[in-house]
Amino acid sequence: MKIKNLVSILVLLAVAVGVGLALRSERAGGAVFRSHTSEYGSSETIRHQMAVPVAATQAKLGDLPHYLSAIGTVTPMYTVTVQSRVAGQIMAVNFREGQIVTRGQLLVQIDPRPYQVQLEQAQGQLAHDLATLHNDTLILERDRILYRQNVIARQTLDTQEATVRQDRGLVLSDKANVDNAKLQLTYSRITAPITGRIGLRLVDPGNIIQANSTQGIAVITQLQPITVIFSIPEDNLELILAAMRAGSVPAEAYDRSFHNLLATGSLFTMDNQIDTTTGTVRLKALFSNREQRLFPNQFVNVRLLAETLHHQVLIPLAAVQRSSLGTFVYVVKPDRTVELRRIQLGLTQGELASVQSGLAAGETVVTDGVDRLQPGTRVALQSTPARASLAVNMAQ
């Protein structure tokens, strides 16, 4: 019995010692927490004093180009289907498919012998009728003398004069036949009507070709200069008209991805009416295409410089934030804390945006890391991203 009482007493003492140690530890922890809180402030203050790393750049004053973009189709200035104007056998093809041919260059030779024979026949008939005219003219001169001598009647003289006039008409017709035979002989030599790139051959040598065949022999497209036809919304028509009145409107042609510049040129003309089904108007831009990077029927992106806005406050588009409250940016104040600033956004072009109100040139705006910010957050400025810095510098 005494042993059991002794064990109970020892257990109670152990419990008391454990409770005492626990209370002591709690007092020590509370003292440490109060010490840190008094040294650094509340948890809200601690959060503000933790610097959030962000990227930022200064708003700058500059010019912002206003571009209009559209998808267009490369269209040659001239496209010609080479056809034969005479029938005959193709004796020779003097071009290589895909080569650049010049105007007047011999492309195809059609068998000229039938047309040479026709020319000689026409020339022979002309010589015959010229001789007949000469003889009848001599007879007419004699008849006039005889008529003055009252040897022949007036009717005989009139008949001879009519015969001479008929001979002269035959001679004129013969000369036309000779010219026509020469023309047909010339048509047996098919030459390039324009300078450009010739396509694939549609007829092989040795075949008989008919005059004005719808198939043709080959197609030539002019590549220098070349045009791009595209459409813009009718809402931008007044802007384009104002740019055309001011002078030449620069144009650029890019590839499908809008990354590679293919050619530079200018706006050439526009259509004379608006397409009522689409609400757009067609425009044509002209490019010298010296490097021949534009190819007929190629789809390209066209960019027109419609106007340039001067003295604009410019910031990278990455700095612009939107919410239900409107459009805003985070402005870095001199004490390295940020301020939420509502702005009125103007024209945006590429990675640049112009600010109409709410921000002044020289103020620093956050471009990266805004998802961790709220008004009053302390920030640590990192190096400005190369793209944002480049975008602002390009507008200077």
Protein backbone atom coordinates (compact mmCIF):
# COMPACT_ATOMS: atom_id res chain seq x y z
CA MET A 1 0.00 0.00 0.00
CA LYS A 2 2.79 2.36 0.91
CA ILE A 3 4.53 1.51 -2.37
CA LYS A 4 1.41 2.42 -4.39
CA ASN A 5 1.12 5.79 -2.58
CA LEU A 6 4.78 6.52 -3.33
CA VAL A 7 4.28 5.84 -7.07
CA SER A 8 1.25 8.17 -7.21
CA ILE A 9 3.22 10.94 -5.52
CA LEU A 10 6.08 10.56 -8.05
CA VAL A 11 3.64 10.72 -11.01
CA LEU A 12 2.02 13.89 -9.68
CA LEU A 13 5.44 15.51 -9.25
CA ALA A 14 6.39 14.64 -12.86
CA VAL A 15 3.19 16.15 -14.21
CA ALA A 16 3.72 19.34 -12.23
CA VAL A 17 7.28 19.69 -13.51
CA GLY A 18 6.10 19.21 -17.14
CA VAL A 19 3.39 21.86 -16.82
CA GLY A 20 5.87 24.28 -15.36
CA LEU A 21 8.31 23.80 -18.20
CA ALA A 22 5.56 24.30 -20.79
CA LEU A 23 4.41 27.57 -19.23
CA ARG A 24 7.96 28.83 -19.12
CA SER A 25 8.52 28.05 -22.82
CA GLU A 26 5.31 29.85 -23.78
CA ARG A 27 6.36 32.96 -21.87
CA ALA A 28 9.75 32.92 -23.59
CA GLY A 29 8.19 32.58 -27.07
CA GLY A 30 5.77 35.42 -26.45
CA ALA A 31 8.58 37.63 -25.30
CA VAL A 32 10.58 36.88 -28.46
CA PHE A 33 7.54 37.58 -30.71
CA ARG A 34 6.86 40.85 -28.89
CA SER A 35 10.51 41.79 -29.18
CA HIS A 36 10.50 41.21 -32.99
CA THR A 37 7.18 42.97 -33.39
CA SER A 38 8.38 46.03 -31.53
CA GLU A 39 11.60 46.09 -33.60
CA TYR A 40 10.09 45.65 -37.09
CA GLY A 41 6.47 46.69 -36.66
CA SER A 42 3.28 44.81 -37.49
CA SER A 43 3.05 41.96 -40.02
CA GLU A 44 1.52 44.42 -42.52
CA THR A 45 4.57 46.68 -42.13
CA ILE A 46 6.89 43.71 -42.58
CA ARG A 47 5.15 42.81 -45.84
CA HIS A 48 5.56 46.36 -47.19
CA GLN A 49 9.22 46.48 -46.22
CA MET A 50 9.99 43.30 -48.21
CA ALA A 51 11.22 44.58 -51.61
CA VAL A 52 9.56 42.87 -54.57
CA PRO A 53 11.88 42.54 -57.59
CA VAL A 54 10.34 44.15 -60.69
CA ALA A 55 11.43 45.42 -64.08
CA ALA A 56 10.66 49.04 -64.89
CA THR A 57 11.33 51.69 -67.49
CA GLN A 58 10.81 55.42 -67.86
CA ALA A 59 7.98 56.93 -69.86
CA LYS A 60 9.50 58.93 -72.68
CA LEU A 61 8.37 61.63 -75.03
CA GLY A 62 8.54 60.66 -78.70
CA ASP A 63 6.79 60.07 -82.01
CA LEU A 64 4.50 57.10 -82.54
CA PRO A 65 3.89 55.87 -86.11
CA HIS A 66 0.33 54.81 -86.87
CA TYR A 67 0.31 51.76 -89.11
CA LEU A 68 -2.61 50.04 -90.79
CA SER A 69 -2.15 46.34 -91.42
CA ALA A 70 -3.95 44.00 -93.80
CA ILE A 71 -3.48 40.70 -95.61
CA GLY A 72 -2.86 41.11 -99.32
CA THR A 73 -2.11 39.16 -102.47
CA VAL A 74 0.92 39.80 -104.65
CA THR A 75 -0.31 40.69 -108.14
CA PRO A 76 1.90 41.33 -111.20
CA MET A 77 1.55 44.63 -113.01
CA TYR A 78 1.15 42.66 -116.27
CA THR A 79 0.39 39.01 -116.97
CA VAL A 80 0.45 37.75 -120.56
CA THR A 81 -0.51 34.35 -121.95
CA VAL A 82 1.72 33.82 -124.97
CA GLN A 83 -0.38 32.58 -127.89
CA SER A 84 0.20 31.98 -131.58
CA ARG A 85 -1.57 34.23 -134.07
CA VAL A 86 -0.97 31.76 -136.90
CA ALA A 87 -1.40 28.01 -137.24
CA GLY A 88 1.54 25.72 -137.89
CA GLN A 89 4.06 23.29 -136.52
CA ILE A 90 6.32 24.41 -133.68
CA MET A 91 9.86 24.08 -135.00
CA ALA A 92 11.80 25.38 -131.97
CA VAL A 93 11.26 26.65 -128.42
CA ASN A 94 13.94 29.19 -127.55
CA PHE A 95 13.27 29.74 -123.85
CA ARG A 96 13.97 27.87 -120.63
CA GLU A 97 11.08 27.43 -118.27
CA GLY A 98 11.26 29.89 -115.37
CA GLN A 99 13.82 32.19 -116.94
CA ILE A 100 13.57 35.97 -117.17
CA VAL A 101 12.75 36.98 -120.75
CA THR A 102 12.97 40.46 -122.20
CA ARG A 103 10.51 42.21 -124.44
CA GLY A 104 11.06 41.27 -128.10
CA GLN A 105 13.02 38.11 -127.31
CA LEU A 106 12.28 35.18 -129.64
CA LEU A 107 10.38 32.50 -127.76
CA VAL A 108 8.93 30.10 -130.34
CA GLN A 109 9.55 29.53 -134.05
CA ILE A 110 6.63 28.21 -136.08
CA ASP A 111 7.31 26.63 -139.45
CA PRO A 112 7.59 29.74 -141.71
CA ARG A 113 7.63 27.98 -145.09
CA PRO A 114 3.86 28.06 -145.78
CA TYR A 115 3.82 31.79 -145.06
CA GLN A 116 6.92 32.37 -147.15
CA VAL A 117 5.13 30.70 -150.08
CA GLN A 118 2.06 32.88 -149.53
CA LEU A 119 4.29 35.94 -149.54
CA GLU A 120 5.88 34.95 -152.82
CA GLN A 121 2.45 34.30 -154.36
CA ALA A 122 1.26 37.71 -153.25
CA GLN A 123 4.40 39.34 -154.61
CA GLY A 124 3.96 37.51 -157.93
CA GLN A 125 0.35 38.66 -158.24
CA LEU A 126 1.43 42.20 -157.45
CA ALA A 127 4.08 42.07 -160.18
CA HIS A 128 1.51 40.75 -162.67
CA ASP A 129 -1.02 43.44 -161.88
CA LEU A 130 1.63 46.15 -161.98
CA ALA A 131 2.56 45.04 -165.48
CA THR A 132 -1.10 45.03 -166.52
CA LEU A 133 -1.54 48.53 -165.08
CA HIS A 134 1.52 49.74 -166.97
CA ASN A 135 0.24 48.31 -170.26
CA ASP A 136 -3.29 49.66 -169.80
CA THR A 137 -1.85 53.06 -168.91
CA LEU A 138 0.08 53.12 -172.22
CA ILE A 139 -3.08 52.16 -174.11
CA LEU A 140 -4.97 54.94 -172.34
CA GLU A 141 -2.39 57.50 -173.44
CA ARG A 142 -2.69 56.35 -177.07
CA ASP A 143 -6.50 56.38 -176.86
CA ARG A 144 -6.46 59.96 -175.66
CA ILE A 145 -4.37 60.96 -178.69
CA LEU A 146 -6.67 59.08 -181.02
CA TYR A 147 -9.74 60.62 -179.38
CA ARG A 148 -8.36 64.11 -179.93
CA GLN A 149 -7.85 63.13 -183.58
CA ASN A 150 -11.47 61.89 -183.74
CA VAL A 151 -10.25 58.38 -184.60
CA ILE A 152 -12.05 56.59 -181.71
CA ALA A 153 -15.31 57.24 -179.95
CA ARG A 154 -15.62 58.76 -176.48
CA GLN A 155 -16.96 55.49 -175.11
CA THR A 156 -13.77 53.64 -176.06
CA LEU A 157 -11.71 56.22 -174.13
CA ASP A 158 -13.97 56.00 -171.10
CA THR A 159 -13.74 52.20 -171.10
CA GLN A 160 -9.96 52.34 -171.14
CA GLU A 161 -9.88 54.88 -168.32
CA ALA A 162 -12.08 52.55 -166.25
CA THR A 163 -9.78 49.66 -166.99
CA VAL A 164 -6.78 51.62 -165.71
CA ARG A 165 -8.63 52.52 -162.54
CA GLN A 166 -9.49 48.86 -162.00
CA ASP A 167 -5.86 47.95 -162.48
CA ARG A 168 -4.83 50.49 -159.88
CA GLY A 169 -7.35 48.99 -157.46
CA LEU A 170 -5.96 45.52 -158.08
CA VAL A 171 -2.45 46.79 -157.43
CA LEU A 172 -3.52 48.30 -154.10
CA SER A 173 -5.18 45.00 -153.15
CA ASP A 174 -2.06 43.10 -154.15
CA LYS A 175 0.11 45.35 -152.02
CA ALA A 176 -2.19 44.70 -149.05
CA ASN A 177 -1.92 40.96 -149.70
CA VAL A 178 1.84 41.26 -149.72
CA ASP A 179 1.81 43.16 -146.45
CA ASN A 180 -0.53 40.58 -144.93
CA ALA A 181 1.72 37.73 -146.06
CA LYS A 182 4.70 39.51 -144.54
CA LEU A 183 2.72 39.95 -141.31
CA GLN A 184 1.82 36.26 -141.19
CA LEU A 185 5.44 35.41 -141.77
CA THR A 186 6.38 37.72 -138.91
CA TYR A 187 3.79 36.04 -136.66
CA SER A 188 5.54 32.73 -137.20
CA ARG A 189 8.22 34.16 -134.91
CA ILE A 190 6.59 34.48 -131.48
CA THR A 191 8.38 37.03 -129.30
CA ALA A 192 7.93 38.11 -125.68
CA PRO A 193 5.47 41.02 -125.42
CA ILE A 194 6.75 42.08 -121.96
CA THR A 195 9.78 41.61 -119.75
CA GLY A 196 9.21 39.13 -116.95
CA ARG A 197 9.47 35.56 -115.74
CA ILE A 198 8.10 32.93 -118.09
CA GLY A 199 6.30 29.95 -116.63
CA LEU A 200 6.11 26.29 -117.58
CA ARG A 201 5.89 25.35 -121.26
CA LEU A 202 2.37 24.27 -122.23
CA VAL A 203 3.14 23.05 -125.77
CA ASP A 204 6.11 20.97 -126.85
CA PRO A 205 8.12 21.34 -130.09
CA GLY A 206 6.80 19.36 -133.02
CA ASN A 207 3.15 19.88 -132.20
CA ILE A 208 0.73 21.64 -134.51
CA ILE A 209 -0.64 24.75 -132.86
CA GLN A 210 -3.77 26.59 -133.89
CA ALA A 211 -4.14 30.33 -134.16
CA ASN A 212 -5.33 32.04 -130.95
CA SER A 213 -5.53 28.77 -129.04
CA THR A 214 -7.02 29.24 -125.57
CA GLN A 215 -4.36 27.00 -124.06
CA GLY A 216 -1.48 29.21 -125.04
CA ILE A 217 2.21 28.36 -125.08
CA ALA A 218 3.36 29.85 -121.74
CA VAL A 219 2.52 32.63 -119.29
CA ILE A 220 4.79 35.62 -118.61
CA THR A 221 4.41 37.67 -115.42
CA GLN A 222 6.14 40.95 -114.78
CA LEU A 223 8.02 40.84 -111.46
CA GLN A 224 9.68 44.27 -111.39
CA PRO A 225 7.85 46.29 -110.32
CA ILE A 226 5.08 44.28 -108.71
CA THR A 227 1.98 45.16 -106.72
CA VAL A 228 0.10 43.90 -103.68
CA ILE A 229 -3.69 44.22 -103.54
CA PHE A 230 -5.32 44.32 -100.10
CA SER A 231 -8.41 45.69 -98.37
CA ILE A 232 -8.94 48.00 -95.39
CA PRO A 233 -12.13 48.82 -93.47
CA GLU A 234 -14.06 51.78 -94.78
CA ASP A 235 -13.66 53.44 -91.35
CA ASN A 236 -9.98 54.02 -92.20
CA LEU A 237 -10.73 55.50 -95.62
CA GLU A 238 -10.53 59.14 -94.53
CA LEU A 239 -7.20 58.48 -92.81
CA ILE A 240 -5.77 56.98 -95.99
CA LEU A 241 -7.13 59.79 -98.17
CA ALA A 242 -5.52 62.38 -95.89
CA ALA A 243 -2.20 60.51 -96.05
CA MET A 244 -2.37 60.35 -99.86
CA ARG A 245 -3.07 64.08 -100.07
CA ALA A 246 -0.03 64.73 -97.89
CA GLY A 247 2.29 62.81 -100.22
CA SER A 248 3.64 59.32 -100.74
CA VAL A 249 2.35 56.71 -98.26
CA PRO A 250 5.10 54.22 -97.31
CA ALA A 251 4.18 50.54 -97.45
CA GLU A 252 5.91 47.42 -96.20
CA ALA A 253 5.32 43.78 -97.13
CA TYR A 254 5.94 41.06 -94.53
CA ASP A 255 5.70 37.29 -94.66
CA ARG A 256 2.79 35.30 -93.20
CA SER A 257 4.27 35.34 -89.68
CA PHE A 258 4.74 39.13 -89.82
CA HIS A 259 8.39 38.67 -88.79
CA ASN A 260 10.41 39.00 -92.00
CA LEU A 261 10.31 42.19 -94.07
CA LEU A 262 10.13 41.18 -97.73
CA ALA A 263 9.99 44.52 -99.55
CA THR A 264 9.33 48.23 -99.11
CA GLY A 265 7.32 50.43 -101.43
CA SER A 266 4.46 52.89 -101.41
CA LEU A 267 0.72 53.05 -101.85
CA PHE A 268 -0.06 53.16 -105.57
CA THR A 269 -3.81 53.70 -105.79
CA MET A 270 -7.18 52.63 -104.42
CA ASP A 271 -10.40 51.31 -105.88
CA ASN A 272 -13.17 53.74 -106.82
CA GLN A 273 -15.87 52.11 -104.70
CA ILE A 274 -16.47 50.35 -101.39
CA ASP A 275 -17.46 46.70 -101.33
CA THR A 276 -20.87 46.78 -99.67
CA THR A 277 -20.75 43.08 -98.74
CA THR A 278 -17.60 43.46 -96.62
CA GLY A 279 -17.49 47.19 -95.88
CA THR A 280 -13.95 47.42 -97.19
CA VAL A 281 -12.13 49.21 -99.99
CA ARG A 282 -9.35 47.69 -102.07
CA LEU A 283 -5.91 49.32 -102.24
CA LYS A 284 -2.87 48.61 -104.37
CA ALA A 285 0.71 49.09 -103.16
CA LEU A 286 3.67 49.20 -105.54
CA PHE A 287 7.04 47.54 -104.81
CA SER A 288 10.21 47.62 -106.89
CA ASN A 289 10.91 43.98 -105.90
CA ARG A 290 14.59 44.26 -106.82
CA GLU A 291 15.44 41.15 -104.80
CA GLN A 292 12.40 39.31 -106.21
CA ARG A 293 11.19 38.25 -102.78
CA LEU A 294 7.59 38.89 -103.78
CA PHE A 295 6.04 36.20 -105.97
CA PRO A 296 2.75 36.37 -107.89
CA ASN A 297 -0.29 35.15 -105.90
CA GLN A 298 1.74 35.10 -102.68
CA PHE A 299 -0.12 36.02 -99.49
CA VAL A 300 1.67 38.73 -97.51
CA ASN A 301 0.99 41.12 -94.64
CA VAL A 302 0.97 44.75 -95.72
CA ARG A 303 1.66 47.62 -93.34
CA LEU A 304 0.85 51.22 -94.32
CA LEU A 305 2.21 54.24 -92.48
CA ALA A 306 -1.03 56.23 -92.28
CA GLU A 307 0.26 58.99 -89.97
CA THR A 308 2.81 59.81 -87.28
CA LEU A 309 1.70 61.13 -83.89
CA HIS A 310 4.24 63.59 -82.50
CA HIS A 311 5.19 64.44 -78.87
CA GLN A 312 3.50 61.43 -77.32
CA VAL A 313 4.15 60.01 -73.84
CA LEU A 314 5.26 56.48 -74.69
CA ILE A 315 5.45 53.39 -72.49
CA PRO A 316 5.80 49.68 -73.24
CA LEU A 317 2.48 47.97 -73.69
CA ALA A 318 3.55 45.44 -71.04
CA ALA A 319 3.22 48.16 -68.39
CA VAL A 320 -0.48 48.72 -69.12
CA GLN A 321 -2.87 46.88 -66.79
CA ARG A 322 -6.64 46.61 -67.02
CA SER A 323 -9.30 45.86 -64.46
CA SER A 324 -12.90 46.68 -63.70
CA LEU A 325 -11.67 50.06 -62.46
CA GLY A 326 -10.19 50.90 -65.87
CA THR A 327 -6.71 51.14 -67.33
CA PHE A 328 -3.81 51.75 -64.98
CA VAL A 329 -0.05 51.41 -64.46
CA TYR A 330 2.15 50.98 -61.43
CA VAL A 331 4.37 54.05 -61.01
CA VAL A 332 7.58 53.73 -58.98
CA LYS A 333 7.91 56.67 -56.58
CA PRO A 334 11.25 58.06 -55.38
CA ASP A 335 10.99 56.08 -52.10
CA ARG A 336 10.91 52.84 -54.15
CA THR A 337 7.26 52.16 -53.42
CA VAL A 338 4.65 51.82 -56.14
CA GLU A 339 1.53 53.82 -56.77
CA LEU A 340 -1.45 52.65 -58.80
CA ARG A 341 -2.05 55.35 -61.41
CA ARG A 342 -5.10 55.41 -63.68
CA ILE A 343 -4.29 56.51 -67.22
CA GLN A 344 -6.11 57.29 -70.43
CA LEU A 345 -4.61 55.17 -73.17
CA GLY A 346 -4.18 56.49 -76.71
CA LEU A 347 -2.89 54.71 -79.79
CA THR A 348 -1.13 51.38 -79.34
CA GLN A 349 1.31 50.20 -81.99
CA GLY A 350 3.18 46.93 -81.63
CA GLU A 351 4.78 46.89 -78.17
CA LEU A 352 4.31 50.62 -77.62
CA ALA A 353 1.40 52.58 -76.20
CA SER A 354 0.80 56.31 -75.99
CA VAL A 355 -0.66 57.80 -72.82
CA GLN A 356 -3.07 60.71 -73.21
CA SER A 357 -3.39 61.58 -69.52
CA GLY A 358 -2.41 60.31 -66.08
CA LEU A 359 1.31 59.93 -66.70
CA ALA A 360 4.16 62.31 -67.48
CA ALA A 361 7.37 61.74 -69.37
CA GLY A 362 10.21 60.75 -67.05
CA GLU A 363 8.08 58.78 -64.58
CA THR A 364 9.03 55.14 -64.06
CA VAL A 365 6.46 52.42 -64.70
CA VAL A 366 6.65 48.73 -63.85
CA THR A 367 6.77 46.46 -66.90
CA ASP A 368 7.30 43.04 -65.30
CA GLY A 369 6.33 41.62 -61.91
CA VAL A 370 3.06 43.53 -61.53
CA ASP A 371 1.18 40.42 -60.37
CA ARG A 372 2.79 40.73 -56.93
CA LEU A 373 2.16 44.44 -56.48
CA GLN A 374 -0.40 46.58 -54.76
CA PRO A 375 -0.29 50.27 -53.76
CA GLY A 376 2.51 50.93 -51.30
CA THR A 377 4.56 47.82 -52.09
CA ARG A 378 8.29 48.38 -51.87
CA VAL A 379 10.11 47.25 -55.01
CA ALA A 380 13.64 46.45 -56.08
CA LEU A 381 14.28 47.57 -59.65
CA GLN A 382 15.81 45.00 -61.92
CA SER A 383 17.29 45.56 -65.39
CA THR A 384 14.69 46.60 -67.97
CA PRO A 385 13.77 43.81 -70.43
CA ALA A 386 15.53 44.31 -73.73
CA ARG A 387 12.33 44.24 -75.78
CA ALA A 388 10.61 46.92 -73.74
CA SER A 389 13.66 49.17 -73.79
CA LEU A 390 14.12 48.65 -77.52
CA ALA A 391 10.47 49.45 -78.22
CA VAL A 392 10.64 52.78 -76.45
CA ASN A 393 13.97 53.69 -78.04
CA MET A 394 12.65 52.96 -81.53
CA ALA A 395 9.99 55.61 -81.09
CA GLN A 396 12.43 58.36 -80.25
